[in-house]
């Protein structure tokens, strides 16, 4: 009886282990396929990347922290596919993040600004812009940016908290 229970537990463990192992193998194979498609695309052959594959490549490169390749794919996607305003704003935000990770702060700031122009209630872009303005000790500009954002999204607690923090800093300085 005890050996039967032991075998059942062992079988269940092996079943779970096999499931997670096969899931990881499928993820790796999918990434390899995407990388192969991307390399074929850069060689200018007839095979092209569709919108979904482009987004998957962006995700892959960002996950693997290959920011220069992510920037290439983000720019490719922005120029070649139709996105709604919210999606486009997110792509510009991701461009800003990629440039930030490469240490190219001015270009990152421009991309965050473009994201905000497209979608004025892109919270992450506002926070990054405000972070840069605070770093440059431009507290009044950061406060104005938060206030402008709150006109379009008055219930955003993160921006309200940031505005309170900035008002306190500007009083101290």
N, C-alpha and C. Protein backbone atom coordinates (compact mmCIF):
# COMPACT_ATOMS: atom_id res chain seq x y z
N UNK A 1 0.82 -1.20 0.00
CA UNK A 1 0.00 0.00 0.00
C UNK A 1 0.86 1.26 0.00
N UNK A 2 1.88 1.28 0.86
CA UNK A 2 2.77 2.43 0.94
C UNK A 2 3.56 2.62 -0.35
N UNK A 3 3.98 1.51 -0.95
CA UNK A 3 4.73 1.62 -2.20
C UNK A 3 3.84 2.14 -3.33
N UNK A 4 2.56 1.82 -3.32
CA UNK A 4 1.64 2.33 -4.32
C UNK A 4 1.48 3.84 -4.18
N UNK A 5 1.36 4.33 -2.97
CA UNK A 5 1.24 5.76 -2.72
C UNK A 5 2.53 6.46 -3.16
N UNK A 6 3.64 5.85 -2.83
CA UNK A 6 4.93 6.40 -3.23
C UNK A 6 5.04 6.50 -4.75
N UNK A 7 4.62 5.45 -5.45
CA UNK A 7 4.67 5.46 -6.92
C UNK A 7 3.72 6.50 -7.51
N UNK A 8 2.57 6.69 -6.91
CA UNK A 8 1.62 7.71 -7.39
C UNK A 8 2.21 9.10 -7.22
N UNK A 9 2.80 9.35 -6.06
CA UNK A 9 3.43 10.65 -5.81
C UNK A 9 4.58 10.88 -6.78
N UNK A 10 5.39 9.86 -6.99
CA UNK A 10 6.50 9.96 -7.93
C UNK A 10 5.99 10.22 -9.34
N UNK A 11 4.95 9.53 -9.73
CA UNK A 11 4.36 9.73 -11.05
C UNK A 11 3.85 11.16 -11.21
N UNK A 12 3.14 11.68 -10.21
CA UNK A 12 2.64 13.06 -10.26
C UNK A 12 3.79 14.06 -10.34
N UNK A 13 4.83 13.81 -9.57
CA UNK A 13 5.99 14.70 -9.62
C UNK A 13 6.61 14.70 -11.02
N UNK A 14 6.78 13.53 -11.61
CA UNK A 14 7.35 13.42 -12.94
C UNK A 14 6.44 14.07 -13.99
N UNK A 15 5.15 13.95 -13.80
CA UNK A 15 4.20 14.57 -14.71
C UNK A 15 4.32 16.09 -14.68
N UNK A 16 4.38 16.65 -13.48
CA UNK A 16 4.53 18.10 -13.34
C UNK A 16 5.88 18.55 -13.89
N UNK A 17 6.92 17.82 -13.57
CA UNK A 17 8.26 18.15 -14.06
C UNK A 17 8.28 18.14 -15.59
N UNK A 18 7.69 17.14 -16.20
CA UNK A 18 7.65 17.03 -17.65
C UNK A 18 6.88 18.19 -18.27
N UNK A 19 5.79 18.57 -17.65
CA UNK A 19 4.99 19.69 -18.14
C UNK A 19 5.83 20.97 -18.18
N UNK A 20 6.49 21.30 -17.08
CA UNK A 20 7.28 22.53 -17.05
C UNK A 20 8.50 22.46 -17.96
N UNK A 21 9.10 21.30 -18.07
CA UNK A 21 10.23 21.13 -18.96
C UNK A 21 9.81 21.33 -20.41
N UNK A 22 8.71 20.72 -20.81
CA UNK A 22 8.25 20.87 -22.19
C UNK A 22 7.81 22.30 -22.47
N UNK A 23 7.23 22.96 -21.49
CA UNK A 23 6.84 24.37 -21.65
C UNK A 23 8.07 25.24 -21.92
N UNK A 24 9.14 25.00 -21.19
CA UNK A 24 10.38 25.77 -21.38
C UNK A 24 11.02 25.45 -22.73
N UNK A 25 10.99 24.21 -23.13
CA UNK A 25 11.55 23.83 -24.44
C UNK A 25 10.76 24.50 -25.56
N UNK A 26 9.45 24.55 -25.46
CA UNK A 26 8.63 25.22 -26.47
C UNK A 26 8.92 26.71 -26.52
N UNK A 27 9.13 27.34 -25.37
CA UNK A 27 9.47 28.76 -25.33
C UNK A 27 10.79 29.01 -26.05
N UNK A 28 11.78 28.17 -25.78
CA UNK A 28 13.09 28.32 -26.42
C UNK A 28 12.98 28.12 -27.93
N UNK A 29 12.23 27.13 -28.36
CA UNK A 29 12.06 26.89 -29.80
C UNK A 29 11.36 28.07 -30.47
N UNK A 30 10.36 28.64 -29.80
CA UNK A 30 9.66 29.81 -30.34
C UNK A 30 10.60 31.00 -30.47
N UNK A 31 11.44 31.21 -29.46
CA UNK A 31 12.41 32.31 -29.51
C UNK A 31 13.39 32.10 -30.65
N UNK A 32 13.86 30.88 -30.81
CA UNK A 32 14.80 30.59 -31.89
C UNK A 32 14.16 30.83 -33.25
N UNK A 33 12.88 30.45 -33.40
CA UNK A 33 12.16 30.69 -34.65
C UNK A 33 12.06 32.19 -34.92
N UNK A 34 11.75 32.96 -33.88
CA UNK A 34 11.64 34.41 -34.04
C UNK A 34 12.98 35.03 -34.42
N UNK A 35 14.04 34.56 -33.79
CA UNK A 35 15.37 35.09 -34.12
C UNK A 35 15.73 34.74 -35.56
N UNK A 36 15.37 33.54 -35.99
CA UNK A 36 15.64 33.14 -37.37
C UNK A 36 14.86 34.01 -38.34
N UNK A 37 13.58 34.26 -38.04
CA UNK A 37 12.77 35.12 -38.90
C UNK A 37 13.37 36.52 -38.95
N UNK A 38 13.82 37.01 -37.82
CA UNK A 38 14.40 38.35 -37.76
C UNK A 38 15.67 38.43 -38.60
N UNK A 39 16.52 37.41 -38.51
CA UNK A 39 17.76 37.45 -39.28
C UNK A 39 17.47 37.33 -40.77
N UNK A 40 16.45 36.59 -41.13
CA UNK A 40 16.06 36.48 -42.54
C UNK A 40 15.56 37.83 -43.03
N UNK A 41 14.79 38.52 -42.17
CA UNK A 41 14.25 39.82 -42.55
C UNK A 41 15.37 40.82 -42.79
N UNK A 42 16.39 40.81 -41.94
CA UNK A 42 17.47 41.79 -42.09
C UNK A 42 18.33 41.51 -43.33
N UNK A 43 18.24 40.29 -43.87
CA UNK A 43 18.98 39.98 -45.09
C UNK A 43 18.21 40.38 -46.34
N UNK A 44 17.04 41.01 -46.16
CA UNK A 44 16.24 41.56 -47.26
C UNK A 44 15.76 40.49 -48.23
N UNK A 45 15.34 39.36 -47.71
CA UNK A 45 14.75 38.35 -48.59
C UNK A 45 13.25 38.60 -48.69
N UNK A 46 12.56 37.68 -49.35
CA UNK A 46 11.13 37.89 -49.56
C UNK A 46 10.31 37.65 -48.30
N UNK A 47 10.83 36.91 -47.34
CA UNK A 47 10.07 36.66 -46.12
C UNK A 47 10.07 37.91 -45.24
N UNK A 48 8.90 38.32 -44.79
CA UNK A 48 8.80 39.50 -43.94
C UNK A 48 8.14 39.15 -42.62
N UNK A 49 8.27 40.04 -41.68
CA UNK A 49 7.71 39.86 -40.35
C UNK A 49 6.34 40.52 -40.33
N UNK A 50 5.35 39.84 -39.77
CA UNK A 50 4.04 40.46 -39.62
C UNK A 50 3.98 41.20 -38.27
N UNK A 51 2.88 41.85 -38.03
CA UNK A 51 2.73 42.68 -36.83
C UNK A 51 2.91 41.88 -35.55
N UNK A 52 2.29 40.71 -35.48
CA UNK A 52 2.38 39.88 -34.28
C UNK A 52 3.82 39.40 -34.05
N UNK A 53 4.49 38.99 -35.10
CA UNK A 53 5.89 38.56 -34.97
C UNK A 53 6.77 39.71 -34.54
N UNK A 54 6.49 40.91 -35.07
CA UNK A 54 7.25 42.09 -34.67
C UNK A 54 7.10 42.35 -33.18
N UNK A 55 5.89 42.26 -32.67
CA UNK A 55 5.66 42.47 -31.23
C UNK A 55 6.34 41.38 -30.40
N UNK A 56 6.32 40.17 -30.90
CA UNK A 56 6.99 39.07 -30.19
C UNK A 56 8.51 39.29 -30.17
N UNK A 57 9.05 39.76 -31.29
CA UNK A 57 10.49 40.06 -31.33
C UNK A 57 10.85 41.18 -30.36
N UNK A 58 10.02 42.21 -30.32
CA UNK A 58 10.26 43.31 -29.38
C UNK A 58 10.28 42.77 -27.96
N UNK A 59 9.28 41.97 -27.64
CA UNK A 59 9.20 41.39 -26.31
C UNK A 59 10.43 40.53 -26.00
N UNK A 60 10.84 39.73 -26.96
CA UNK A 60 12.01 38.86 -26.78
C UNK A 60 13.27 39.68 -26.53
N UNK A 61 13.49 40.70 -27.36
CA UNK A 61 14.70 41.51 -27.21
C UNK A 61 14.69 42.30 -25.90
N UNK A 62 13.55 42.81 -25.51
CA UNK A 62 13.48 43.52 -24.23
C UNK A 62 13.72 42.56 -23.07
N UNK A 63 13.14 41.37 -23.15
CA UNK A 63 13.31 40.36 -22.10
C UNK A 63 14.78 39.95 -21.98
N UNK A 64 15.43 39.80 -23.11
CA UNK A 64 16.84 39.41 -23.10
C UNK A 64 17.80 40.60 -22.95
N UNK A 65 17.23 41.80 -22.84
CA UNK A 65 18.00 43.03 -22.65
C UNK A 65 18.94 43.32 -23.83
N UNK A 66 18.45 43.02 -25.02
CA UNK A 66 19.18 43.34 -26.26
C UNK A 66 18.52 44.61 -26.80
N UNK A 67 18.89 45.74 -26.20
CA UNK A 67 18.14 46.97 -26.43
C UNK A 67 18.34 47.56 -27.83
N UNK A 68 19.52 47.38 -28.42
CA UNK A 68 19.71 47.92 -29.77
C UNK A 68 18.82 47.19 -30.78
N UNK A 69 18.67 45.88 -30.62
CA UNK A 69 17.78 45.12 -31.49
C UNK A 69 16.32 45.49 -31.21
N UNK A 70 15.99 45.73 -29.95
CA UNK A 70 14.63 46.14 -29.60
C UNK A 70 14.31 47.48 -30.24
N UNK A 71 15.26 48.40 -30.22
CA UNK A 71 15.05 49.72 -30.83
C UNK A 71 14.80 49.56 -32.33
N UNK A 72 15.57 48.70 -32.98
CA UNK A 72 15.38 48.45 -34.41
C UNK A 72 13.96 47.94 -34.67
N UNK A 73 13.55 46.93 -33.90
CA UNK A 73 12.22 46.34 -34.11
C UNK A 73 11.10 47.32 -33.76
N UNK A 74 11.29 48.12 -32.71
CA UNK A 74 10.28 49.12 -32.35
C UNK A 74 10.11 50.14 -33.48
N UNK A 75 11.22 50.64 -34.00
CA UNK A 75 11.15 51.59 -35.11
C UNK A 75 10.53 50.95 -36.35
N UNK A 76 10.89 49.71 -36.62
CA UNK A 76 10.32 48.98 -37.75
C UNK A 76 8.82 48.85 -37.59
N UNK A 77 8.37 48.48 -36.40
CA UNK A 77 6.93 48.32 -36.14
C UNK A 77 6.18 49.62 -36.25
N UNK A 78 6.76 50.69 -35.71
CA UNK A 78 6.10 52.01 -35.76
C UNK A 78 5.93 52.47 -37.21
N UNK A 79 6.93 52.22 -38.04
CA UNK A 79 6.89 52.68 -39.43
C UNK A 79 6.04 51.80 -40.35
N UNK A 80 5.94 50.51 -40.03
CA UNK A 80 5.35 49.58 -40.99
C UNK A 80 3.99 49.00 -40.62
N UNK A 81 3.52 49.22 -39.41
CA UNK A 81 2.24 48.63 -39.01
C UNK A 81 1.32 49.70 -38.45
N UNK A 82 0.03 49.44 -38.56
CA UNK A 82 -0.97 50.37 -38.04
C UNK A 82 -1.28 50.03 -36.59
N UNK A 83 -1.08 50.98 -35.73
CA UNK A 83 -1.39 50.84 -34.31
C UNK A 83 -2.35 51.94 -33.91
N UNK A 84 -3.21 51.65 -32.92
CA UNK A 84 -4.05 52.73 -32.39
C UNK A 84 -3.18 53.62 -31.50
N UNK A 85 -3.74 54.72 -31.04
CA UNK A 85 -2.96 55.72 -30.30
C UNK A 85 -2.35 55.14 -29.02
N UNK A 86 -3.11 54.34 -28.31
CA UNK A 86 -2.60 53.77 -27.06
C UNK A 86 -1.42 52.84 -27.32
N UNK A 87 -1.55 51.98 -28.32
CA UNK A 87 -0.47 51.05 -28.66
C UNK A 87 0.78 51.80 -29.12
N UNK A 88 0.56 52.80 -29.97
CA UNK A 88 1.68 53.58 -30.49
C UNK A 88 2.39 54.32 -29.35
N UNK A 89 1.62 54.83 -28.43
CA UNK A 89 2.20 55.50 -27.27
C UNK A 89 3.06 54.54 -26.44
N UNK A 90 2.58 53.33 -26.30
CA UNK A 90 3.34 52.31 -25.56
C UNK A 90 4.63 51.98 -26.28
N UNK A 91 4.58 51.88 -27.61
CA UNK A 91 5.80 51.59 -28.38
C UNK A 91 6.83 52.70 -28.20
N UNK A 92 6.37 53.96 -28.23
CA UNK A 92 7.31 55.07 -28.01
C UNK A 92 7.85 55.05 -26.59
N UNK A 93 7.01 54.67 -25.63
CA UNK A 93 7.50 54.53 -24.25
C UNK A 93 8.58 53.45 -24.18
N UNK A 94 8.35 52.32 -24.84
CA UNK A 94 9.35 51.25 -24.84
C UNK A 94 10.63 51.69 -25.54
N UNK A 95 10.50 52.51 -26.58
CA UNK A 95 11.70 53.08 -27.21
C UNK A 95 12.47 53.93 -26.20
N UNK A 96 11.74 54.75 -25.45
CA UNK A 96 12.38 55.57 -24.41
C UNK A 96 13.08 54.70 -23.39
N UNK A 97 12.43 53.64 -22.96
CA UNK A 97 13.04 52.73 -21.99
C UNK A 97 14.32 52.11 -22.55
N UNK A 98 14.27 51.72 -23.81
CA UNK A 98 15.44 51.10 -24.44
C UNK A 98 16.60 52.08 -24.51
N UNK A 99 16.31 53.31 -24.93
CA UNK A 99 17.37 54.33 -24.97
C UNK A 99 17.88 54.63 -23.56
N UNK A 100 16.99 54.68 -22.59
CA UNK A 100 17.42 54.88 -21.20
C UNK A 100 18.38 53.78 -20.76
N UNK A 101 18.04 52.55 -21.09
CA UNK A 101 18.90 51.43 -20.71
C UNK A 101 20.25 51.45 -21.40
N UNK A 102 20.31 52.09 -22.55
CA UNK A 102 21.59 52.26 -23.25
C UNK A 102 22.33 53.51 -22.79
N UNK A 103 21.69 54.30 -21.92
CA UNK A 103 22.32 55.52 -21.40
C UNK A 103 22.19 56.72 -22.31
N UNK A 104 21.28 56.67 -23.27
CA UNK A 104 21.08 57.79 -24.20
C UNK A 104 19.85 58.56 -23.71
N UNK A 105 20.08 59.40 -22.70
CA UNK A 105 18.98 60.03 -21.97
C UNK A 105 18.21 61.06 -22.79
N UNK A 106 18.88 61.85 -23.59
CA UNK A 106 18.16 62.87 -24.37
C UNK A 106 17.20 62.26 -25.37
N UNK A 107 17.64 61.22 -26.05
CA UNK A 107 16.76 60.54 -27.00
C UNK A 107 15.62 59.85 -26.25
N UNK A 108 15.92 59.27 -25.11
CA UNK A 108 14.88 58.64 -24.29
C UNK A 108 13.81 59.67 -23.91
N UNK A 109 14.26 60.85 -23.48
CA UNK A 109 13.33 61.92 -23.11
C UNK A 109 12.45 62.31 -24.30
N UNK A 110 13.04 62.38 -25.49
CA UNK A 110 12.27 62.71 -26.69
C UNK A 110 11.21 61.64 -26.97
N UNK A 111 11.57 60.38 -26.80
CA UNK A 111 10.62 59.29 -27.06
C UNK A 111 9.50 59.29 -26.03
N UNK A 112 9.82 59.56 -24.76
CA UNK A 112 8.77 59.68 -23.75
C UNK A 112 7.84 60.83 -24.09
N UNK A 113 8.41 61.94 -24.56
CA UNK A 113 7.59 63.09 -24.95
C UNK A 113 6.68 62.76 -26.13
N UNK A 114 7.22 62.01 -27.10
CA UNK A 114 6.40 61.61 -28.24
C UNK A 114 5.25 60.70 -27.78
N UNK A 115 5.56 59.80 -26.85
CA UNK A 115 4.52 58.91 -26.31
C UNK A 115 3.41 59.73 -25.66
N UNK A 116 3.81 60.77 -24.95
CA UNK A 116 2.85 61.63 -24.26
C UNK A 116 2.05 62.49 -25.24
N UNK A 117 2.67 62.91 -26.33
CA UNK A 117 1.94 63.67 -27.35
C UNK A 117 0.85 62.81 -27.98
N UNK A 118 1.16 61.56 -28.21
CA UNK A 118 0.20 60.65 -28.84
C UNK A 118 -0.93 60.30 -27.87
N UNK A 119 -0.57 60.01 -26.63
CA UNK A 119 -1.55 59.64 -25.61
C UNK A 119 -1.25 60.42 -24.34
N UNK A 120 -1.95 61.54 -24.13
CA UNK A 120 -1.64 62.42 -23.00
C UNK A 120 -1.85 61.79 -21.61
N UNK A 121 -2.47 60.61 -21.56
CA UNK A 121 -2.65 59.98 -20.25
C UNK A 121 -1.80 58.70 -20.12
N UNK A 122 -0.65 58.70 -20.77
CA UNK A 122 0.31 57.60 -20.62
C UNK A 122 1.10 57.84 -19.34
N UNK A 123 0.67 57.21 -18.28
CA UNK A 123 1.23 57.44 -16.94
C UNK A 123 2.73 57.17 -16.87
N UNK A 124 3.16 56.08 -17.47
CA UNK A 124 4.58 55.71 -17.39
C UNK A 124 5.47 56.75 -18.06
N UNK A 125 5.01 57.28 -19.18
CA UNK A 125 5.79 58.32 -19.87
C UNK A 125 5.88 59.58 -19.03
N UNK A 126 4.77 59.96 -18.42
CA UNK A 126 4.79 61.15 -17.55
C UNK A 126 5.77 60.95 -16.41
N UNK A 127 5.73 59.78 -15.79
CA UNK A 127 6.63 59.52 -14.66
C UNK A 127 8.10 59.59 -15.09
N UNK A 128 8.40 59.08 -16.27
CA UNK A 128 9.79 59.13 -16.75
C UNK A 128 10.22 60.56 -17.08
N UNK A 129 9.31 61.32 -17.67
CA UNK A 129 9.63 62.72 -17.98
C UNK A 129 9.83 63.50 -16.69
N UNK A 130 8.95 63.30 -15.73
CA UNK A 130 9.07 63.99 -14.44
C UNK A 130 10.36 63.59 -13.74
N UNK A 131 10.71 62.33 -13.82
CA UNK A 131 11.97 61.85 -13.23
C UNK A 131 13.17 62.60 -13.81
N UNK A 132 13.17 62.75 -15.13
CA UNK A 132 14.26 63.48 -15.80
C UNK A 132 14.26 64.95 -15.41
N UNK A 133 13.09 65.57 -15.35
CA UNK A 133 13.02 66.98 -14.96
C UNK A 133 13.49 67.19 -13.52
N UNK A 134 13.13 66.27 -12.64
CA UNK A 134 13.58 66.37 -11.25
C UNK A 134 15.09 66.18 -11.17
N UNK A 135 15.61 65.25 -11.96
CA UNK A 135 17.05 65.03 -12.00
C UNK A 135 17.78 66.30 -12.42
N UNK A 136 17.16 67.04 -13.35
CA UNK A 136 17.74 68.31 -13.82
C UNK A 136 17.35 69.50 -12.93
N UNK A 137 16.67 69.20 -11.80
CA UNK A 137 16.21 70.21 -10.83
C UNK A 137 15.25 71.23 -11.45
N UNK A 138 14.44 70.78 -12.39
CA UNK A 138 13.42 71.62 -13.01
C UNK A 138 12.07 71.27 -12.38
N UNK A 139 11.93 71.62 -11.11
CA UNK A 139 10.76 71.22 -10.34
C UNK A 139 9.47 71.85 -10.87
N UNK A 140 9.53 73.12 -11.26
CA UNK A 140 8.32 73.78 -11.76
C UNK A 140 7.81 73.12 -13.04
N UNK A 141 8.72 72.75 -13.93
CA UNK A 141 8.32 72.06 -15.16
C UNK A 141 7.72 70.69 -14.83
N UNK A 142 8.31 70.01 -13.87
CA UNK A 142 7.78 68.70 -13.47
C UNK A 142 6.39 68.84 -12.86
N UNK A 143 6.18 69.88 -12.05
CA UNK A 143 4.87 70.12 -11.46
C UNK A 143 3.84 70.41 -12.55
N UNK A 144 4.20 71.23 -13.52
CA UNK A 144 3.29 71.56 -14.61
C UNK A 144 2.93 70.31 -15.43
N UNK A 145 3.92 69.44 -15.63
CA UNK A 145 3.68 68.22 -16.38
C UNK A 145 2.67 67.32 -15.65
N UNK A 146 2.82 67.24 -14.33
CA UNK A 146 1.89 66.44 -13.52
C UNK A 146 0.49 67.05 -13.54
N UNK A 147 0.42 68.36 -13.39
CA UNK A 147 -0.87 69.04 -13.39
C UNK A 147 -1.58 68.87 -14.74
N UNK A 148 -0.81 68.98 -15.81
CA UNK A 148 -1.40 68.79 -17.14
C UNK A 148 -1.94 67.36 -17.29
N UNK A 149 -1.16 66.40 -16.82
CA UNK A 149 -1.59 65.00 -16.88
C UNK A 149 -2.89 64.80 -16.10
N UNK A 150 -2.98 65.40 -14.92
CA UNK A 150 -4.15 65.22 -14.06
C UNK A 150 -5.41 65.85 -14.66
N UNK A 151 -5.26 66.77 -15.60
CA UNK A 151 -6.43 67.30 -16.30
C UNK A 151 -7.13 66.21 -17.10
N UNK A 152 -6.35 65.33 -17.69
CA UNK A 152 -6.91 64.24 -18.49
C UNK A 152 -7.23 63.00 -17.69
N UNK A 153 -6.58 62.84 -16.56
CA UNK A 153 -6.79 61.67 -15.70
C UNK A 153 -6.78 62.10 -14.24
N UNK A 154 -7.86 62.77 -13.80
CA UNK A 154 -7.87 63.40 -12.48
C UNK A 154 -7.84 62.43 -11.29
N UNK A 155 -8.11 61.17 -11.50
CA UNK A 155 -8.15 60.21 -10.39
C UNK A 155 -6.88 59.38 -10.26
N UNK A 156 -5.84 59.74 -10.97
CA UNK A 156 -4.61 58.96 -10.94
C UNK A 156 -3.84 59.23 -9.65
N UNK A 157 -3.83 58.26 -8.77
CA UNK A 157 -3.22 58.43 -7.45
C UNK A 157 -1.70 58.53 -7.51
N UNK A 158 -1.07 57.80 -8.41
CA UNK A 158 0.40 57.86 -8.49
C UNK A 158 0.88 59.25 -8.87
N UNK A 159 0.19 59.86 -9.83
CA UNK A 159 0.59 61.20 -10.25
C UNK A 159 0.24 62.22 -9.17
N UNK A 160 -0.89 62.03 -8.49
CA UNK A 160 -1.23 62.93 -7.38
C UNK A 160 -0.17 62.87 -6.30
N UNK A 161 0.28 61.66 -5.96
CA UNK A 161 1.34 61.51 -4.95
C UNK A 161 2.63 62.16 -5.42
N UNK A 162 2.95 61.97 -6.68
CA UNK A 162 4.16 62.58 -7.24
C UNK A 162 4.08 64.09 -7.20
N UNK A 163 2.89 64.63 -7.48
CA UNK A 163 2.69 66.08 -7.44
C UNK A 163 2.88 66.62 -6.02
N UNK A 164 2.34 65.92 -5.04
CA UNK A 164 2.53 66.33 -3.65
C UNK A 164 4.01 66.32 -3.28
N UNK A 165 4.70 65.27 -3.69
CA UNK A 165 6.14 65.16 -3.43
C UNK A 165 6.90 66.31 -4.09
N UNK A 166 6.54 66.63 -5.32
CA UNK A 166 7.21 67.72 -6.04
C UNK A 166 6.91 69.08 -5.40
N UNK A 167 5.69 69.29 -4.97
CA UNK A 167 5.35 70.56 -4.30
C UNK A 167 6.15 70.73 -3.02
N UNK A 168 6.35 69.63 -2.30
CA UNK A 168 7.18 69.70 -1.08
C UNK A 168 8.63 70.01 -1.42
N UNK A 169 9.15 69.39 -2.48
CA UNK A 169 10.53 69.65 -2.89
C UNK A 169 10.72 71.10 -3.36
N UNK A 170 9.74 71.59 -4.11
CA UNK A 170 9.88 72.95 -4.63
C UNK A 170 9.81 73.98 -3.50
N UNK A 171 9.09 73.66 -2.43
CA UNK A 171 9.07 74.58 -1.27
C UNK A 171 10.40 74.59 -0.53
N UNK A 172 11.04 73.43 -0.49
CA UNK A 172 12.34 73.32 0.20
C UNK A 172 13.43 74.01 -0.57
N UNK A 173 13.42 73.87 -1.90
CA UNK A 173 14.50 74.43 -2.74
C UNK A 173 14.38 75.89 -2.96
